[in-house]
Amino acid sequence: MASKNTKTGLLTLLGIAAGSVAAWWVYKTASPEEKARIKNKINEAGNKVKDAYSNAEDAVVENYDKAKNTVEREAQKIKS
C-alpha cells in the first residue's frame, strides 16, 4: 500500500509529464513566428538563470574573501 507522500509524488510526476506533453504539442503545432517567440522566451529565461548564478557566485567569493581577511586579522592580533 502506497503512502500519501508516494501517491502525491506520483500525481505530481504525472502532472509534470502531462504538462510536458502539452507544451511539446503546442510547440509542434505552432507557427514559425510562435516557435521563434517561444525560443526567445526560453533563451531569456536561460540568460536570467546564468546571470543569477554569476551574481550568486560573485557574492559568495566576496563574502569568503571578507571572512578570510577578518580571520587573518584576528589571528595576527592574537599572535601579537
C-alpha atoms as a PDB file:
ATOM      1  CA  MET A   1       0.000   0.000   0.000  1.00  0.00           C
ATOM      2  CA  ALA A   2       1.443   3.334  -1.052  1.00  0.00           C
ATOM      3  CA  SER A   3       1.762   6.142   1.456  1.00  0.00           C
ATOM      4  CA  LYS A   4       0.186   9.543   0.989  1.00  0.00           C
ATOM      5  CA  ASN A   5       3.553  11.059   0.056  1.00  0.00           C
ATOM      6  CA  THR A   6       4.135   8.405  -2.599  1.00  0.00           C
ATOM      7  CA  LYS A   7       0.699   8.991  -4.107  1.00  0.00           C
ATOM      8  CA  THR A   8       1.240  12.737  -4.080  1.00  0.00           C
ATOM      9  CA  GLY A   9       4.652  12.307  -5.692  1.00  0.00           C
ATOM     10  CA  LEU A  10       3.260  10.071  -8.390  1.00  0.00           C
ATOM     11  CA  LEU A  11       0.436  12.500  -9.107  1.00  0.00           C
ATOM     12  CA  THR A  12       2.934  15.350  -9.292  1.00  0.00           C
ATOM     13  CA  LEU A  13       5.126  13.390 -11.681  1.00  0.00           C
ATOM     14  CA  LEU A  14       2.094  12.545 -13.812  1.00  0.00           C
ATOM     15  CA  GLY A  15       1.105  16.224 -13.868  1.00  0.00           C
ATOM     16  CA  ILE A  16       4.594  17.264 -14.949  1.00  0.00           C
ATOM     17  CA  ALA A  17       4.570  14.627 -17.689  1.00  0.00           C
ATOM     18  CA  ALA A  18       1.152  15.785 -18.909  1.00  0.00           C
ATOM     19  CA  GLY A  19       2.321  19.405 -18.900  1.00  0.00           C
ATOM     20  CA  SER A  20       5.431  18.454 -20.839  1.00  0.00           C
ATOM     21  CA  VAL A  21       3.400  16.622 -23.463  1.00  0.00           C
ATOM     22  CA  ALA A  22       1.030  19.571 -23.742  1.00  0.00           C
ATOM     23  CA  ALA A  23       3.942  22.014 -24.114  1.00  0.00           C
ATOM     24  CA  TRP A  24       5.535  19.790 -26.756  1.00  0.00           C
ATOM     25  CA  TRP A  25       2.232  19.624 -28.656  1.00  0.00           C
ATOM     26  CA  VAL A  26       1.777  23.395 -28.555  1.00  0.00           C
ATOM     27  CA  TYR A  27       5.321  23.896 -29.831  1.00  0.00           C
ATOM     28  CA  LYS A  28       4.948  21.207 -32.502  1.00  0.00           C
ATOM     29  CA  THR A  29       1.767  22.783 -33.897  1.00  0.00           C
ATOM     30  CA  ALA A  30       2.974  26.408 -33.548  1.00  0.00           C
ATOM     31  CA  SER A  31       3.697  28.659 -36.496  1.00  0.00           C
ATOM     32  CA  PRO A  32       7.326  29.570 -37.208  1.00  0.00           C
ATOM     33  CA  GLU A  33       6.765  33.008 -35.628  1.00  0.00           C
ATOM     34  CA  GLU A  34       5.346  31.447 -32.479  1.00  0.00           C
ATOM     35  CA  LYS A  35       8.250  28.983 -32.347  1.00  0.00           C
ATOM     36  CA  ALA A  36      10.709  31.881 -32.573  1.00  0.00           C
ATOM     37  CA  ARG A  37       8.866  33.696 -29.768  1.00  0.00           C
ATOM     38  CA  ILE A  38       8.973  30.549 -27.603  1.00  0.00           C
ATOM     39  CA  LYS A  39      12.687  30.074 -28.277  1.00  0.00           C
ATOM     40  CA  ASN A  40      13.349  33.707 -27.349  1.00  0.00           C
ATOM     41  CA  LYS A  41      11.467  33.301 -24.057  1.00  0.00           C
ATOM     42  CA  ILE A  42      13.470  30.174 -23.244  1.00  0.00           C
ATOM     43  CA  ASN A  43      16.759  31.895 -24.112  1.00  0.00           C
ATOM     44  CA  GLU A  44      15.846  34.916 -21.978  1.00  0.00           C
ATOM     45  CA  ALA A  45      14.990  32.659 -19.047  1.00  0.00           C
ATOM     46  CA  GLY A  46      18.288  30.817 -19.504  1.00  0.00           C
ATOM     47  CA  ASN A  47      20.210  34.086 -19.552  1.00  0.00           C
ATOM     48  CA  LYS A  48      18.459  35.238 -16.372  1.00  0.00           C
ATOM     49  CA  VAL A  49      19.420  31.975 -14.655  1.00  0.00           C
ATOM     50  CA  LYS A  50      23.038  32.369 -15.799  1.00  0.00           C
ATOM     51  CA  ASP A  51      23.128  35.961 -14.548  1.00  0.00           C
ATOM     52  CA  ALA A  52      21.643  34.974 -11.198  1.00  0.00           C
ATOM     53  CA  TYR A  53      24.186  32.164 -10.849  1.00  0.00           C
ATOM     54  CA  SER A  54      27.036  34.507 -11.726  1.00  0.00           C
ATOM     55  CA  ASN A  55      25.830  37.115  -9.227  1.00  0.00           C
ATOM     56  CA  ALA A  56      25.470  34.494  -6.511  1.00  0.00           C
ATOM     57  CA  GLU A  57      28.931  33.125  -7.257  1.00  0.00           C
ATOM     58  CA  ASP A  58      30.436  36.611  -7.073  1.00  0.00           C
ATOM     59  CA  ALA A  59      28.675  37.272  -3.769  1.00  0.00           C
ATOM     60  CA  VAL A  60      29.941  34.009  -2.295  1.00  0.00           C
ATOM     61  CA  VAL A  61      33.526  34.740  -3.357  1.00  0.00           C
ATOM     62  CA  GLU A  62      33.304  38.270  -1.987  1.00  0.00           C
ATOM     63  CA  ASN A  63      31.908  37.127   1.358  1.00  0.00           C
ATOM     64  CA  TYR A  64      34.503  34.349   1.574  1.00  0.00           C
ATOM     65  CA  ASP A  65      37.301  36.844   0.982  1.00  0.00           C
ATOM     66  CA  LYS A  66      35.893  39.208   3.636  1.00  0.00           C
ATOM     67  CA  ALA A  67      35.614  36.383   6.161  1.00  0.00           C
ATOM     68  CA  LYS A  68      39.116  35.141   5.332  1.00  0.00           C
ATOM     69  CA  ASN A  69      40.585  38.627   5.792  1.00  0.00           C
ATOM     70  CA  THR A  70      38.753  39.073   9.079  1.00  0.00           C
ATOM     71  CA  VAL A  71      40.060  35.747  10.378  1.00  0.00           C
ATOM     72  CA  GLU A  72      43.599  36.600   9.280  1.00  0.00           C
ATOM     73  CA  ARG A  73      43.434  39.990  11.039  1.00  0.00           C
ATOM     74  CA  GLU A  74      42.149  38.399  14.235  1.00  0.00           C
ATOM     75  CA  ALA A  75      44.851  35.734  14.043  1.00  0.00           C
ATOM     76  CA  GLN A  76      47.501  38.463  13.722  1.00  0.00           C
ATOM     77  CA  LYS A  77      46.055  40.245  16.784  1.00  0.00           C
ATOM     78  CA  ILE A  78      46.271  37.028  18.785  1.00  0.00           C
ATOM     79  CA  LYS A  79      49.887  36.405  17.711  1.00  0.00           C
ATOM     80  CA  SER A  80      50.926  39.940  18.648  1.00  0.00           C
END
